[in-house]
Amino acid sequence: MTQILLGQSYYLRFDPKLWEAMQPYPPLGTLYAASWLRQRGYDVALFDAMLAESEAEWAKSLDEHNPQYAILYEDNFNYLSKMCLLRMREAAFKMIEMAKSRGCTVILCGADATDHYQEYLEKGADYCIAGEGEETLLELLNQLEGKSETGFESILGLAYHDDRSRTVDGTFTVHRPLSIVQNPRRPDITNLDKLPFPAWDLVDIQKYKSIWLSRHGYFSMNMVTTRGCPYHCNWCAKPIWGQRYNSRSPENVVAEMKWIKETFAPDHIWFADDILGLKPNWIEKFADLLR
């Protein structure tokens, strides 16, 4: 039994145009969440929907791992996830139903769950996380696991069903239908260097490598140097970061790039940032360190 099964609902198979282009990348945001939780003692497995045939593979993964928590943590660095295609929302609803039918506690995090948390909760999700997810997710799991006495109402960035309200004498009354509570948003992580590198060991790297080599003649992997964007586009990063952004240090990015090269030997790196090198003097320092 695995304590936590992390997945996402972007299936390349359900996007015919991009399936034809076949330039797949693993869900970087999900891999960050996996490494963050694992660093803090949680047992984590990954379901990677990117190359899956359908939601049936999610059901198979649930049966294989038998998790206590099923977490759909979208890749907020992939513009496709942030666009939130309707077909992928339908996939998420189906994945929620599958997890709930197996007794899992279901948690959602992503751009669409931030904007439309009511719909996800009504479809059976137990909790939705608004905005950047790592710190809120950790607080929530610690509370659910009895590692923290923090009440749900104190967890910033959390939306959830509440069937109780406290009366004047301190007791609770139960309400039907359930009400939905949305707590205030959590501030973004400003020191991105404190985050561990993504949990690449959970990914079937060889499967991605074979696809890239057969279709394009080279192997590409993905990285990110920033979170957020200061510009005004309506879609994209807005649900998660608003118009704010934070940058990793050039030293931290180069250390990861060196590790990726030594470990997986890709031919090409795709930086998934909306704003690579926007911070003054960042790109020059990065270039020097890279050399």
C-alpha atoms as a PDB file:
ATOM      1  CA  MET A   1       0.000   0.000   0.000  1.00  0.00           C
ATOM      2  CA  THR A   2       1.319   3.428  -1.015  1.00  0.00           C
ATOM      3  CA  GLN A   3       0.352   6.319   1.211  1.00  0.00           C
ATOM      4  CA  ILE A   4      -0.008   8.897  -1.586  1.00  0.00           C
ATOM      5  CA  LEU A   5      -0.650   8.511  -5.313  1.00  0.00           C
ATOM      6  CA  LEU A   6       0.056  11.729  -7.196  1.00  0.00           C
ATOM      7  CA  GLY A   7      -1.295  12.202 -10.693  1.00  0.00           C
ATOM      8  CA  GLN A   8      -2.559  14.796 -13.142  1.00  0.00           C
ATOM      9  CA  SER A   9      -5.383  14.944 -15.671  1.00  0.00           C
ATOM     10  CA  TYR A  10      -3.606  16.175 -18.801  1.00  0.00           C
ATOM     11  CA  TYR A  11      -3.689  13.243 -21.257  1.00  0.00           C
ATOM     12  CA  LEU A  12      -1.817  13.953 -24.457  1.00  0.00           C
ATOM     13  CA  ARG A  13      -3.985  11.276 -26.106  1.00  0.00           C
ATOM     14  CA  PHE A  14      -7.057  13.479 -25.637  1.00  0.00           C
ATOM     15  CA  ASP A  15      -5.486  16.404 -27.526  1.00  0.00           C
ATOM     16  CA  PRO A  16      -5.354  15.203 -31.178  1.00  0.00           C
ATOM     17  CA  LYS A  17      -3.266  18.080 -32.525  1.00  0.00           C
ATOM     18  CA  LEU A  18      -0.560  17.739 -29.887  1.00  0.00           C
ATOM     19  CA  TRP A  19      -0.719  13.943 -29.939  1.00  0.00           C
ATOM     20  CA  GLU A  20       0.214  14.213 -33.616  1.00  0.00           C
ATOM     21  CA  ALA A  21       3.080  16.611 -32.802  1.00  0.00           C
ATOM     22  CA  MET A  22       4.254  14.174 -30.082  1.00  0.00           C
ATOM     23  CA  GLN A  23       6.567  16.341 -27.984  1.00  0.00           C
ATOM     24  CA  PRO A  24       5.713  14.982 -24.532  1.00  0.00           C
ATOM     25  CA  TYR A  25       7.141  16.177 -21.238  1.00  0.00           C
ATOM     26  CA  PRO A  26       6.513  14.688 -17.776  1.00  0.00           C
ATOM     27  CA  PRO A  27       4.408  16.769 -15.340  1.00  0.00           C
ATOM     28  CA  LEU A  28       7.057  18.951 -13.727  1.00  0.00           C
ATOM     29  CA  GLY A  29       4.733  20.531 -11.162  1.00  0.00           C
ATOM     30  CA  THR A  30       3.573  17.090 -10.022  1.00  0.00           C
ATOM     31  CA  LEU A  31       7.191  15.958  -9.700  1.00  0.00           C
ATOM     32  CA  TYR A  32       7.994  18.971  -7.513  1.00  0.00           C
ATOM     33  CA  ALA A  33       5.078  18.091  -5.228  1.00  0.00           C
ATOM     34  CA  ALA A  34       6.290  14.482  -5.058  1.00  0.00           C
ATOM     35  CA  SER A  35       9.829  15.421  -4.032  1.00  0.00           C
ATOM     36  CA  TRP A  36       8.530  18.023  -1.543  1.00  0.00           C
ATOM     37  CA  LEU A  37       6.320  15.456   0.223  1.00  0.00           C
ATOM     38  CA  ARG A  38       8.879  12.675   0.065  1.00  0.00           C
ATOM     39  CA  GLN A  39      11.489  14.955   1.654  1.00  0.00           C
ATOM     40  CA  ARG A  40       9.100  15.284   4.587  1.00  0.00           C
ATOM     41  CA  GLY A  41       8.615  11.579   5.116  1.00  0.00           C
ATOM     42  CA  TYR A  42       5.582  10.735   2.979  1.00  0.00           C
ATOM     43  CA  ASP A  43       5.484   7.603   0.804  1.00  0.00           C
ATOM     44  CA  VAL A  44       4.712   8.764  -2.734  1.00  0.00           C
ATOM     45  CA  ALA A  45       3.979   7.120  -6.097  1.00  0.00           C
ATOM     46  CA  LEU A  46       3.280   8.754  -9.475  1.00  0.00           C
ATOM     47  CA  PHE A  47       0.614   8.246 -12.121  1.00  0.00           C
ATOM     48  CA  ASP A  48       1.758  10.033 -15.290  1.00  0.00           C
ATOM     49  CA  ALA A  49      -1.252  10.729 -17.514  1.00  0.00           C
ATOM     50  CA  MET A  50       0.813  12.368 -20.259  1.00  0.00           C
ATOM     51  CA  LEU A  51       1.357   9.147 -22.220  1.00  0.00           C
ATOM     52  CA  ALA A  52      -1.542   7.123 -20.799  1.00  0.00           C
ATOM     53  CA  GLU A  53      -4.212   5.775 -23.119  1.00  0.00           C
ATOM     54  CA  SER A  54      -7.180   6.763 -20.930  1.00  0.00           C
ATOM     55  CA  GLU A  55      -8.463   7.164 -17.375  1.00  0.00           C
ATOM     56  CA  ALA A  56      -8.560   3.361 -17.174  1.00  0.00           C
ATOM     57  CA  GLU A  57      -4.819   3.471 -16.491  1.00  0.00           C
ATOM     58  CA  TRP A  58      -5.490   5.702 -13.468  1.00  0.00           C
ATOM     59  CA  ALA A  59      -7.897   3.053 -12.166  1.00  0.00           C
ATOM     60  CA  LYS A  60      -5.197   0.419 -12.663  1.00  0.00           C
ATOM     61  CA  SER A  61      -2.687   2.573 -10.772  1.00  0.00           C
ATOM     62  CA  LEU A  62      -5.148   3.076  -7.908  1.00  0.00           C
ATOM     63  CA  ASP A  63      -5.639  -0.680  -7.649  1.00  0.00           C
ATOM     64  CA  GLU A  64      -1.892  -1.315  -7.804  1.00  0.00           C
ATOM     65  CA  HIS A  65      -0.901   1.215  -5.133  1.00  0.00           C
ATOM     66  CA  ASN A  66      -4.075   1.228  -3.001  1.00  0.00           C
ATOM     67  CA  PRO A  67      -3.318   4.764  -1.730  1.00  0.00           C
ATOM     68  CA  GLN A  68      -4.863   6.486   1.238  1.00  0.00           C
ATOM     69  CA  TYR A  69      -4.654   9.817  -0.582  1.00  0.00           C
ATOM     70  CA  ALA A  70      -5.239  10.351  -4.306  1.00  0.00           C
ATOM     71  CA  ILE A  71      -3.916  13.767  -5.319  1.00  0.00           C
ATOM     72  CA  LEU A  72      -4.463  15.315  -8.748  1.00  0.00           C
ATOM     73  CA  TYR A  73      -1.695  17.883  -8.786  1.00  0.00           C
ATOM     74  CA  GLU A  74      -1.583  19.543 -12.197  1.00  0.00           C
ATOM     75  CA  ASP A  75       1.609  20.653 -13.900  1.00  0.00           C
ATOM     76  CA  ASN A  76       1.228  24.400 -13.494  1.00  0.00           C
ATOM     77  CA  PHE A  77       4.353  24.985 -15.589  1.00  0.00           C
ATOM     78  CA  ASN A  78       2.847  23.421 -18.714  1.00  0.00           C
ATOM     79  CA  TYR A  79       0.724  25.943 -20.589  1.00  0.00           C
ATOM     80  CA  LEU A  80      -1.545  23.109 -21.728  1.00  0.00           C
ATOM     81  CA  SER A  81      -2.554  22.371 -18.140  1.00  0.00           C
ATOM     82  CA  LYS A  82      -3.083  26.045 -17.415  1.00  0.00           C
ATOM     83  CA  MET A  83      -5.355  26.413 -20.461  1.00  0.00           C
ATOM     84  CA  CYS A  84      -7.507  23.731 -18.884  1.00  0.00           C
ATOM     85  CA  LEU A  85      -9.162  22.114 -21.849  1.00  0.00           C
ATOM     86  CA  LEU A  86     -12.696  20.926 -21.135  1.00  0.00           C
ATOM     87  CA  ARG A  87     -11.794  17.336 -22.048  1.00  0.00           C
ATOM     88  CA  MET A  88      -9.140  17.310 -19.328  1.00  0.00           C
ATOM     89  CA  ARG A  89     -11.618  18.642 -16.768  1.00  0.00           C
ATOM     90  CA  GLU A  90     -13.926  15.766 -17.647  1.00  0.00           C
ATOM     91  CA  ALA A  91     -11.004  13.395 -17.170  1.00  0.00           C
ATOM     92  CA  ALA A  92     -10.354  14.881 -13.731  1.00  0.00           C
ATOM     93  CA  PHE A  93     -14.002  14.394 -12.746  1.00  0.00           C
ATOM     94  CA  LYS A  94     -13.813  10.743 -13.796  1.00  0.00           C
ATOM     95  CA  MET A  95     -10.541  10.274 -11.914  1.00  0.00           C
ATOM     96  CA  ILE A  96     -12.112  11.756  -8.763  1.00  0.00           C
ATOM     97  CA  GLU A  97     -15.006   9.302  -9.025  1.00  0.00           C
ATOM     98  CA  MET A  98     -12.628   6.356  -9.482  1.00  0.00           C
ATOM     99  CA  ALA A  99     -10.562   7.339  -6.446  1.00  0.00           C
ATOM    100  CA  LYS A 100     -13.569   7.971  -4.210  1.00  0.00           C
ATOM    101  CA  SER A 101     -15.081   4.604  -5.144  1.00  0.00           C
ATOM    102  CA  ARG A 102     -11.895   3.013  -3.778  1.00  0.00           C
ATOM    103  CA  GLY A 103     -12.095   4.876  -0.476  1.00  0.00           C
ATOM    104  CA  CYS A 104      -9.375   7.456  -1.130  1.00  0.00           C
ATOM    105  CA  THR A 105      -9.259  10.967   0.255  1.00  0.00           C
ATOM    106  CA  VAL A 106      -9.107  13.078  -2.919  1.00  0.00           C
ATOM    107  CA  ILE A 107      -7.196  16.359  -3.153  1.00  0.00           C
ATOM    108  CA  LEU A 108      -7.015  18.670  -6.193  1.00  0.00           C
ATOM    109  CA  CYS A 109      -4.441  21.330  -7.037  1.00  0.00           C
ATOM    110  CA  GLY A 110      -4.153  23.284 -10.296  1.00  0.00           C
ATOM    111  CA  ALA A 111      -5.264  26.293 -12.295  1.00  0.00           C
ATOM    112  CA  ASP A 112      -8.751  24.988 -13.045  1.00  0.00           C
ATOM    113  CA  ALA A 113      -9.308  23.727  -9.505  1.00  0.00           C
ATOM    114  CA  THR A 114      -8.293  27.189  -8.289  1.00  0.00           C
ATOM    115  CA  ASP A 115     -10.806  28.933 -10.546  1.00  0.00           C
ATOM    116  CA  HIS A 116     -13.604  26.331 -10.296  1.00  0.00           C
ATOM    117  CA  TYR A 117     -13.099  24.623  -6.941  1.00  0.00           C
ATOM    118  CA  GLN A 118     -16.860  24.407  -6.351  1.00  0.00           C
ATOM    119  CA  GLU A 119     -17.300  22.140  -9.369  1.00  0.00           C
ATOM    120  CA  TYR A 120     -14.525  19.802  -8.288  1.00  0.00           C
ATOM    121  CA  LEU A 121     -15.846  19.593  -4.731  1.00  0.00           C
ATOM    122  CA  GLU A 122     -19.349  18.911  -6.031  1.00  0.00           C
ATOM    123  CA  LYS A 123     -17.931  16.064  -8.142  1.00  0.00           C
ATOM    124  CA  GLY A 124     -16.571  14.405  -5.031  1.00  0.00           C
ATOM    125  CA  ALA A 125     -13.156  15.914  -4.278  1.00  0.00           C
ATOM    126  CA  ASP A 126     -12.567  16.310  -0.555  1.00  0.00           C
ATOM    127  CA  TYR A 127     -10.213  19.294  -0.778  1.00  0.00           C
ATOM    128  CA  CYS A 128      -9.070  21.796  -3.405  1.00  0.00           C
ATOM    129  CA  ILE A 129      -5.912  23.866  -3.158  1.00  0.00           C
ATOM    130  CA  ALA A 130      -5.885  27.380  -4.598  1.00  0.00           C
ATOM    131  CA  GLY A 131      -2.689  28.779  -6.055  1.00  0.00           C
ATOM    132  CA  GLU A 132       0.754  27.361  -5.419  1.00  0.00           C
ATOM    133  CA  GLY A 133       0.305  24.006  -3.774  1.00  0.00           C
ATOM    134  CA  GLU A 134       3.307  22.573  -1.945  1.00  0.00           C
ATOM    135  CA  GLU A 135       3.000  24.286   1.440  1.00  0.00           C
ATOM    136  CA  THR A 136      -0.796  24.050   1.608  1.00  0.00           C
ATOM    137  CA  LEU A 137      -0.697  20.362   0.654  1.00  0.00           C
ATOM    138  CA  LEU A 138       1.869  19.586   3.331  1.00  0.00           C
ATOM    139  CA  GLU A 139      -0.143  21.388   6.009  1.00  0.00           C
ATOM    140  CA  LEU A 140      -3.307  19.579   4.945  1.00  0.00           C
ATOM    141  CA  LEU A 141      -1.691  16.130   4.985  1.00  0.00           C
ATOM    142  CA  ASN A 142      -0.062  16.822   8.349  1.00  0.00           C
ATOM    143  CA  GLN A 143      -3.477  17.734   9.735  1.00  0.00           C
ATOM    144  CA  LEU A 144      -5.173  14.675   8.228  1.00  0.00           C
ATOM    145  CA  GLU A 145      -2.390  12.434   9.559  1.00  0.00           C
ATOM    146  CA  GLY A 146      -2.621  13.877  13.081  1.00  0.00           C
ATOM    147  CA  LYS A 147       0.846  15.426  12.850  1.00  0.00           C
ATOM    148  CA  SER A 148      -0.539  18.927  13.332  1.00  0.00           C
ATOM    149  CA  GLU A 149      -3.316  20.463  15.400  1.00  0.00           C
ATOM    150  CA  THR A 150      -3.958  23.150  12.769  1.00  0.00           C
ATOM    151  CA  GLY A 151      -7.673  23.275  11.958  1.00  0.00           C
ATOM    152  CA  PHE A 152      -8.864  23.237   8.363  1.00  0.00           C
ATOM    153  CA  GLU A 153     -10.055  26.816   8.778  1.00  0.00           C
ATOM    154  CA  SER A 154      -6.452  27.917   9.426  1.00  0.00           C
ATOM    155  CA  ILE A 155      -4.881  26.296   6.359  1.00  0.00           C
ATOM    156  CA  LEU A 156      -4.333  29.060   3.833  1.00  0.00           C
ATOM    157  CA  GLY A 157      -5.193  28.267   0.230  1.00  0.00           C
ATOM    158  CA  LEU A 158      -7.661  25.483   1.070  1.00  0.00           C
ATOM    159  CA  ALA A 159     -11.249  25.007  -0.133  1.00  0.00           C
ATOM    160  CA  TYR A 160     -13.349  22.214   1.325  1.00  0.00           C
ATOM    161  CA  HIS A 161     -16.808  20.987   2.298  1.00  0.00           C
ATOM    162  CA  ASP A 162     -17.911  21.959   5.778  1.00  0.00           C
ATOM    163  CA  ASP A 163     -20.994  20.327   7.248  1.00  0.00           C
ATOM    164  CA  ARG A 164     -20.572  21.945  10.658  1.00  0.00           C
ATOM    165  CA  SER A 165     -20.726  25.386  12.185  1.00  0.00           C
ATOM    166  CA  ARG A 166     -19.682  26.293  15.707  1.00  0.00           C
ATOM    167  CA  THR A 167     -22.408  27.586  18.014  1.00  0.00           C
ATOM    168  CA  VAL A 168     -21.990  30.166  20.768  1.00  0.00           C
ATOM    169  CA  ASP A 169     -21.401  27.509  23.436  1.00  0.00           C
ATOM    170  CA  GLY A 170     -18.648  25.863  21.365  1.00  0.00           C
ATOM    171  CA  THR A 171     -20.609  22.852  20.139  1.00  0.00           C
ATOM    172  CA  PHE A 172     -21.226  22.053  16.472  1.00  0.00           C
ATOM    173  CA  THR A 173     -24.386  21.824  14.446  1.00  0.00           C
ATOM    174  CA  VAL A 174     -24.529  19.844  11.217  1.00  0.00           C
ATOM    175  CA  HIS A 175     -25.919  21.372   8.031  1.00  0.00           C
ATOM    176  CA  ARG A 176     -27.361  19.795   4.892  1.00  0.00           C
ATOM    177  CA  PRO A 177     -26.602  20.440   2.124  1.00  0.00           C
ATOM    178  CA  LEU A 178     -22.920  20.852   2.829  1.00  0.00           C
ATOM    179  CA  SER A 179     -21.509  24.341   2.579  1.00  0.00           C
ATOM    180  CA  ILE A 180     -18.206  25.084   0.827  1.00  0.00           C
ATOM    181  CA  VAL A 181     -15.521  27.031   2.634  1.00  0.00           C
ATOM    182  CA  GLN A 182     -12.734  28.882   0.832  1.00  0.00           C
ATOM    183  CA  ASN A 183      -9.897  30.033   3.063  1.00  0.00           C
ATOM    184  CA  PRO A 184      -7.736  33.075   2.194  1.00  0.00           C
ATOM    185  CA  ARG A 185      -4.970  32.571  -0.352  1.00  0.00           C
ATOM    186  CA  ARG A 186      -1.479  31.607   0.738  1.00  0.00           C
ATOM    187  CA  PRO A 187       1.498  33.847  -0.119  1.00  0.00           C
ATOM    188  CA  ASP A 188       3.757  32.408  -2.814  1.00  0.00           C
ATOM    189  CA  ILE A 189       7.050  30.722  -2.018  1.00  0.00           C
ATOM    190  CA  THR A 190       9.690  33.403  -2.534  1.00  0.00           C
ATOM    191  CA  ASN A 191      12.798  31.309  -1.847  1.00  0.00           C
ATOM    192  CA  LEU A 192      12.461  28.754  -4.630  1.00  0.00           C
ATOM    193  CA  ASP A 193      15.927  27.371  -3.935  1.00  0.00           C
ATOM    194  CA  LYS A 194      14.577  25.652  -0.813  1.00  0.00           C
ATOM    195  CA  LEU A 195      12.536  23.285  -2.991  1.00  0.00           C
ATOM    196  CA  PRO A 196      14.101  19.907  -3.775  1.00  0.00           C
ATOM    197  CA  PHE A 197      14.662  19.029  -7.423  1.00  0.00           C
ATOM    198  CA  PRO A 198      11.714  17.241  -9.104  1.00  0.00           C
ATOM    199  CA  ALA A 199      11.350  13.510  -8.395  1.00  0.00           C
ATOM    200  CA  TRP A 200      12.588  12.337 -11.791  1.00  0.00           C
ATOM    201  CA  ASP A 201      13.161   8.812 -10.504  1.00  0.00           C
ATOM    202  CA  LEU A 202       9.369   8.298 -10.490  1.00  0.00           C
ATOM    203  CA  VAL A 203       9.167   8.874 -14.259  1.00  0.00           C
ATOM    204  CA  ASP A 204       9.570   6.238 -16.978  1.00  0.00           C
ATOM    205  CA  ILE A 205      12.415   8.181 -18.576  1.00  0.00           C
ATOM    206  CA  GLN A 206      13.175   5.503 -21.146  1.00  0.00           C
ATOM    207  CA  LYS A 207       9.642   5.694 -22.539  1.00  0.00           C
ATOM    208  CA  TYR A 208       9.952   9.445 -23.090  1.00  0.00           C
ATOM    209  CA  LYS A 209      13.457   9.085 -24.504  1.00  0.00           C
ATOM    210  CA  SER A 210      12.363   6.439 -27.015  1.00  0.00           C
ATOM    211  CA  ILE A 211       9.500   8.610 -28.256  1.00  0.00           C
ATOM    212  CA  TRP A 212      11.693  11.677 -28.678  1.00  0.00           C
ATOM    213  CA  LEU A 213      14.435   9.797 -30.473  1.00  0.00           C
ATOM    214  CA  SER A 214      12.090   7.969 -32.841  1.00  0.00           C
ATOM    215  CA  ARG A 215       9.983  11.023 -33.670  1.00  0.00           C
ATOM    216  CA  HIS A 216      12.519  13.852 -33.564  1.00  0.00           C
ATOM    217  CA  GLY A 217      16.000  12.359 -33.462  1.00  0.00           C
ATOM    218  CA  TYR A 218      16.924  13.907 -30.099  1.00  0.00           C
ATOM    219  CA  PHE A 219      15.905  13.596 -26.452  1.00  0.00           C
ATOM    220  CA  SER A 220      14.431  16.637 -24.689  1.00  0.00           C
ATOM    221  CA  MET A 221      13.715  17.130 -20.980  1.00  0.00           C
ATOM    222  CA  ASN A 222      12.005  19.992 -19.160  1.00  0.00           C
ATOM    223  CA  MET A 223      13.066  22.425 -16.451  1.00  0.00           C
ATOM    224  CA  VAL A 224      11.747  25.653 -14.967  1.00  0.00           C
ATOM    225  CA  THR A 225      13.632  28.652 -13.532  1.00  0.00           C
ATOM    226  CA  THR A 226      10.725  30.863 -12.403  1.00  0.00           C
ATOM    227  CA  ARG A 227       7.187  30.714 -11.070  1.00  0.00           C
ATOM    228  CA  GLY A 228       4.602  33.249 -12.198  1.00  0.00           C
ATOM    229  CA  CYS A 229       4.577  36.190 -14.583  1.00  0.00           C
ATOM    230  CA  PRO A 230       4.092  39.983 -14.214  1.00  0.00           C
ATOM    231  CA  TYR A 231       2.115  40.420 -17.451  1.00  0.00           C
ATOM    232  CA  HIS A 232      -1.604  40.657 -18.110  1.00  0.00           C
ATOM    233  CA  CYS A 233      -2.629  37.653 -20.241  1.00  0.00           C
ATOM    234  CA  ASN A 234      -6.006  36.414 -19.009  1.00  0.00           C
ATOM    235  CA  TRP A 235      -5.245  32.702 -19.036  1.00  0.00           C
ATOM    236  CA  CYS A 236      -1.846  31.060 -18.407  1.00  0.00           C
ATOM    237  CA  ALA A 237      -0.334  31.551 -14.932  1.00  0.00           C
ATOM    238  CA  LYS A 238      -2.936  33.969 -13.592  1.00  0.00           C
ATOM    239  CA  PRO A 239      -5.015  31.547 -11.470  1.00  0.00           C
ATOM    240  CA  ILE A 240      -1.906  30.350  -9.669  1.00  0.00           C
ATOM    241  CA  TRP A 241       0.363  33.376  -9.298  1.00  0.00           C
ATOM    242  CA  GLY A 242      -1.671  36.428 -10.315  1.00  0.00           C
ATOM    243  CA  GLN A 243       0.833  38.946 -11.706  1.00  0.00           C
ATOM    244  CA  ARG A 244       3.655  38.042  -9.360  1.00  0.00           C
ATOM    245  CA  TYR A 245       6.775  36.020 -10.059  1.00  0.00           C
ATOM    246  CA  ASN A 246       9.751  34.583  -8.242  1.00  0.00           C
ATOM    247  CA  SER A 247      13.033  33.249  -9.637  1.00  0.00           C
ATOM    248  CA  ARG A 248      15.371  30.462  -8.666  1.00  0.00           C
ATOM    249  CA  SER A 249      18.996  31.507  -8.332  1.00  0.00           C
ATOM    250  CA  PRO A 250      21.234  30.859 -11.346  1.00  0.00           C
ATOM    251  CA  GLU A 251      23.372  28.654  -9.090  1.00  0.00           C
ATOM    252  CA  ASN A 252      20.407  26.444  -8.212  1.00  0.00           C
ATOM    253  CA  VAL A 253      19.282  26.081 -11.830  1.00  0.00           C
ATOM    254  CA  VAL A 254      22.781  25.240 -13.069  1.00  0.00           C
ATOM    255  CA  ALA A 255      23.207  22.629 -10.312  1.00  0.00           C
ATOM    256  CA  GLU A 256      20.007  20.921 -11.462  1.00  0.00           C
ATOM    257  CA  MET A 257      20.989  21.161 -15.125  1.00  0.00           C
ATOM    258  CA  LYS A 258      24.370  19.572 -14.365  1.00  0.00           C
ATOM    259  CA  TRP A 259      22.678  16.768 -12.416  1.00  0.00           C
ATOM    260  CA  ILE A 260      20.181  16.123 -15.229  1.00  0.00           C
ATOM    261  CA  LYS A 261      22.971  15.957 -17.806  1.00  0.00           C
ATOM    262  CA  GLU A 262      25.033  13.560 -15.714  1.00  0.00           C
ATOM    263  CA  THR A 263      22.047  11.374 -14.812  1.00  0.00           C
ATOM    264  CA  PHE A 264      19.940  11.250 -17.992  1.00  0.00           C
ATOM    265  CA  ALA A 265      22.125  12.759 -20.760  1.00  0.00           C
ATOM    266  CA  PRO A 266      19.379  14.635 -22.661  1.00  0.00           C
ATOM    267  CA  ASP A 267      20.302  16.364 -25.935  1.00  0.00           C
ATOM    268  CA  HIS A 268      18.024  19.351 -25.329  1.00  0.00           C
ATOM    269  CA  ILE A 269      16.393  21.238 -22.434  1.00  0.00           C
ATOM    270  CA  TRP A 270      13.020  22.952 -22.747  1.00  0.00           C
ATOM    271  CA  PHE A 271      12.667  25.728 -20.185  1.00  0.00           C
ATOM    272  CA  ALA A 272       8.930  25.831 -19.510  1.00  0.00           C
ATOM    273  CA  ASP A 273       9.041  29.326 -17.997  1.00  0.00           C
ATOM    274  CA  ASP A 274       6.700  32.053 -19.108  1.00  0.00           C
ATOM    275  CA  ILE A 275       9.503  34.565 -18.432  1.00  0.00           C
ATOM    276  CA  LEU A 276      12.940  32.933 -18.641  1.00  0.00           C
ATOM    277  CA  GLY A 277      15.666  35.452 -17.801  1.00  0.00           C
ATOM    278  CA  LEU A 278      13.332  38.375 -17.020  1.00  0.00           C
ATOM    279  CA  LYS A 279      15.052  39.244 -13.733  1.00  0.00           C
ATOM    280  CA  PRO A 280      17.807  41.825 -14.413  1.00  0.00           C
ATOM    281  CA  ASN A 281      21.295  40.308 -14.832  1.00  0.00           C
ATOM    282  CA  TRP A 282      19.967  36.787 -14.238  1.00  0.00           C
ATOM    283  CA  ILE A 283      20.672  35.412 -17.707  1.00  0.00           C
ATOM    284  CA  GLU A 284      24.248  36.735 -17.772  1.00  0.00           C
ATOM    285  CA  LYS A 285      25.086  35.085 -14.427  1.00  0.00           C
ATOM    286  CA  PHE A 286      23.378  31.889 -15.612  1.00  0.00           C
ATOM    287  CA  ALA A 287      25.438  31.837 -18.802  1.00  0.00           C
ATOM    288  CA  ASP A 288      28.709  32.314 -16.929  1.00  0.00           C
ATOM    289  CA  LEU A 289      27.910  29.525 -14.489  1.00  0.00           C
ATOM    290  CA  LEU A 290      26.763  27.221 -17.258  1.00  0.00           C
ATOM    291  CA  ARG A 291      30.067  27.609 -19.090  1.00  0.00           C
END
